[in-house]
Amino acid sequence: GKDLIDIMMIIIFTGFILGDIFNEILFNQNI
């Protein structure tokens, strides 16, 4: 139970970071 929560938290946290980086890259390319 706890392991699944830890994994999901890491996936969500990583997703936010990667999404932020991805948006920065797209934003910089469009300008």
PDB file of N, CA and C in Angstrom:
ATOM      1  N   GLY A   1       0.819  -1.209   0.000  1.00  0.00           N
ATOM      2  CA  GLY A   1       0.000   0.000   0.000  1.00  0.00           C
ATOM      3  C   GLY A   1       0.850   1.254   0.000  1.00  0.00           C
ATOM      4  N   LYS A   2       1.783   1.348   0.939  1.00  0.00           N
ATOM      5  CA  LYS A   2       2.606   2.552   1.024  1.00  0.00           C
ATOM      6  C   LYS A   2       3.514   2.691  -0.201  1.00  0.00           C
ATOM      7  N   ASP A   3       4.029   1.565  -0.684  1.00  0.00           N
ATOM      8  CA  ASP A   3       4.932   1.620  -1.840  1.00  0.00           C
ATOM      9  C   ASP A   3       4.215   2.217  -3.054  1.00  0.00           C
ATOM     10  N   LEU A   4       2.971   1.820  -3.272  1.00  0.00           N
ATOM     11  CA  LEU A   4       2.213   2.338  -4.417  1.00  0.00           C
ATOM     12  C   LEU A   4       2.010   3.846  -4.290  1.00  0.00           C
ATOM     13  N   ILE A   5       1.723   4.305  -3.080  1.00  0.00           N
ATOM     14  CA  ILE A   5       1.533   5.743  -2.861  1.00  0.00           C
ATOM     15  C   ILE A   5       2.835   6.488  -3.150  1.00  0.00           C
ATOM     16  N   ASP A   6       3.954   5.937  -2.666  1.00  0.00           N
ATOM     17  CA  ASP A   6       5.246   6.587  -2.904  1.00  0.00           C
ATOM     18  C   ASP A   6       5.534   6.673  -4.396  1.00  0.00           C
ATOM     19  N   ILE A   7       5.267   5.600  -5.117  1.00  0.00           N
ATOM     20  CA  ILE A   7       5.518   5.580  -6.563  1.00  0.00           C
ATOM     21  C   ILE A   7       4.627   6.612  -7.267  1.00  0.00           C
ATOM     22  N   MET A   8       3.363   6.661  -6.897  1.00  0.00           N
ATOM     23  CA  MET A   8       2.444   7.612  -7.528  1.00  0.00           C
ATOM     24  C   MET A   8       2.858   9.047  -7.234  1.00  0.00           C
ATOM     25  N   MET A   9       3.320   9.310  -6.003  1.00  0.00           N
ATOM     26  CA  MET A   9       3.765  10.653  -5.649  1.00  0.00           C
ATOM     27  C   MET A   9       4.967  11.047  -6.499  1.00  0.00           C
ATOM     28  N   ILE A  10       5.895  10.099  -6.690  1.00  0.00           N
ATOM     29  CA  ILE A  10       7.089  10.378  -7.498  1.00  0.00           C
ATOM     30  C   ILE A  10       6.689  10.637  -8.943  1.00  0.00           C
ATOM     31  N   ILE A  11       5.767   9.825  -9.477  1.00  0.00           N
ATOM     32  CA  ILE A  11       5.316  10.001 -10.863  1.00  0.00           C
ATOM     33  C   ILE A  11       4.651  11.368 -11.037  1.00  0.00           C
ATOM     34  N   ILE A  12       3.794  11.732 -10.098  1.00  0.00           N
ATOM     35  CA  ILE A  12       3.105  13.030 -10.184  1.00  0.00           C
ATOM     36  C   ILE A  12       4.116  14.174 -10.090  1.00  0.00           C
ATOM     37  N   PHE A  13       5.039  14.074  -9.131  1.00  0.00           N
ATOM     38  CA  PHE A  13       6.044  15.120  -8.931  1.00  0.00           C
ATOM     39  C   PHE A  13       6.925  15.259 -10.164  1.00  0.00           C
ATOM     40  N   THR A  14       7.358  14.104 -10.714  1.00  0.00           N
ATOM     41  CA  THR A  14       8.196  14.117 -11.918  1.00  0.00           C
ATOM     42  C   THR A  14       7.405  14.683 -13.096  1.00  0.00           C
ATOM     43  N   GLY A  15       6.121  14.331 -13.173  1.00  0.00           N
ATOM     44  CA  GLY A  15       5.273  14.836 -14.255  1.00  0.00           C
ATOM     45  C   GLY A  15       5.177  16.348 -14.226  1.00  0.00           C
ATOM     46  N   PHE A  16       5.048  16.926 -13.031  1.00  0.00           N
ATOM     47  CA  PHE A  16       4.975  18.381 -12.931  1.00  0.00           C
ATOM     48  C   PHE A  16       6.273  19.018 -13.402  1.00  0.00           C
ATOM     49  N   ILE A  17       7.413  18.432 -12.989  1.00  0.00           N
ATOM     50  CA  ILE A  17       8.714  18.986 -13.368  1.00  0.00           C
ATOM     51  C   ILE A  17       8.917  18.876 -14.879  1.00  0.00           C
ATOM     52  N   LEU A  18       8.657  17.678 -15.424  1.00  0.00           N
ATOM     53  CA  LEU A  18       8.841  17.485 -16.865  1.00  0.00           C
ATOM     54  C   LEU A  18       7.874  18.372 -17.646  1.00  0.00           C
ATOM     55  N   GLY A  19       6.650  18.524 -17.176  1.00  0.00           N
ATOM     56  CA  GLY A  19       5.672  19.376 -17.845  1.00  0.00           C
ATOM     57  C   GLY A  19       6.129  20.823 -17.852  1.00  0.00           C
ATOM     58  N   ASP A  20       6.695  21.281 -16.749  1.00  0.00           N
ATOM     59  CA  ASP A  20       7.178  22.656 -16.661  1.00  0.00           C
ATOM     60  C   ASP A  20       8.329  22.867 -17.641  1.00  0.00           C
ATOM     61  N   ILE A  21       9.269  21.912 -17.670  1.00  0.00           N
ATOM     62  CA  ILE A  21      10.408  22.008 -18.592  1.00  0.00           C
ATOM     63  C   ILE A  21       9.905  21.976 -20.036  1.00  0.00           C
ATOM     64  N   PHE A  22       8.980  21.065 -20.330  1.00  0.00           N
ATOM     65  CA  PHE A  22       8.437  20.932 -21.683  1.00  0.00           C
ATOM     66  C   PHE A  22       7.750  22.220 -22.122  1.00  0.00           C
ATOM     67  N   ASN A  23       6.978  22.835 -21.222  1.00  0.00           N
ATOM     68  CA  ASN A  23       6.298  24.093 -21.551  1.00  0.00           C
ATOM     69  C   ASN A  23       7.315  25.198 -21.808  1.00  0.00           C
ATOM     70  N   GLU A  24       8.403  25.218 -21.022  1.00  0.00           N
ATOM     71  CA  GLU A  24       9.439  26.246 -21.214  1.00  0.00           C
ATOM     72  C   GLU A  24      10.074  26.085 -22.581  1.00  0.00           C
ATOM     73  N   ILE A  25      10.358  24.830 -22.974  1.00  0.00           N
ATOM     74  CA  ILE A  25      10.987  24.567 -24.277  1.00  0.00           C
ATOM     75  C   ILE A  25      10.049  25.014 -25.409  1.00  0.00           C
ATOM     76  N   LEU A  26       8.770  24.619 -25.337  1.00  0.00           N
ATOM     77  CA  LEU A  26       7.822  25.011 -26.378  1.00  0.00           C
ATOM     78  C   LEU A  26       7.655  26.532 -26.417  1.00  0.00           C
ATOM     79  N   PHE A  27       7.600  27.141 -25.241  1.00  0.00           N
ATOM     80  CA  PHE A  27       7.410  28.586 -25.163  1.00  0.00           C
ATOM     81  C   PHE A  27       8.600  29.313 -25.786  1.00  0.00           C
ATOM     82  N   ASN A  28       9.807  28.819 -25.517  1.00  0.00           N
ATOM     83  CA  ASN A  28      11.012  29.443 -26.066  1.00  0.00           C
ATOM     84  C   ASN A  28      11.101  29.234 -27.573  1.00  0.00           C
ATOM     85  N   GLN A  29      10.644  28.080 -28.061  1.00  0.00           N
ATOM     86  CA  GLN A  29      10.696  27.820 -29.503  1.00  0.00           C
ATOM     87  C   GLN A  29       9.697  28.697 -30.251  1.00  0.00           C
ATOM     88  N   ASN A  30       8.533  28.937 -29.652  1.00  0.00           N
ATOM     89  CA  ASN A  30       7.508  29.730 -30.330  1.00  0.00           C
ATOM     90  C   ASN A  30       7.903  31.199 -30.434  1.00  0.00           C
ATOM     91  N   ILE A  31       8.781  31.654 -29.535  1.00  0.00           N
ATOM     92  CA  ILE A  31       9.222  33.062 -29.569  1.00  0.00           C
ATOM     93  C   ILE A  31      10.464  33.205 -30.428  1.00  0.00           C
TER      94      ILE A  31
END
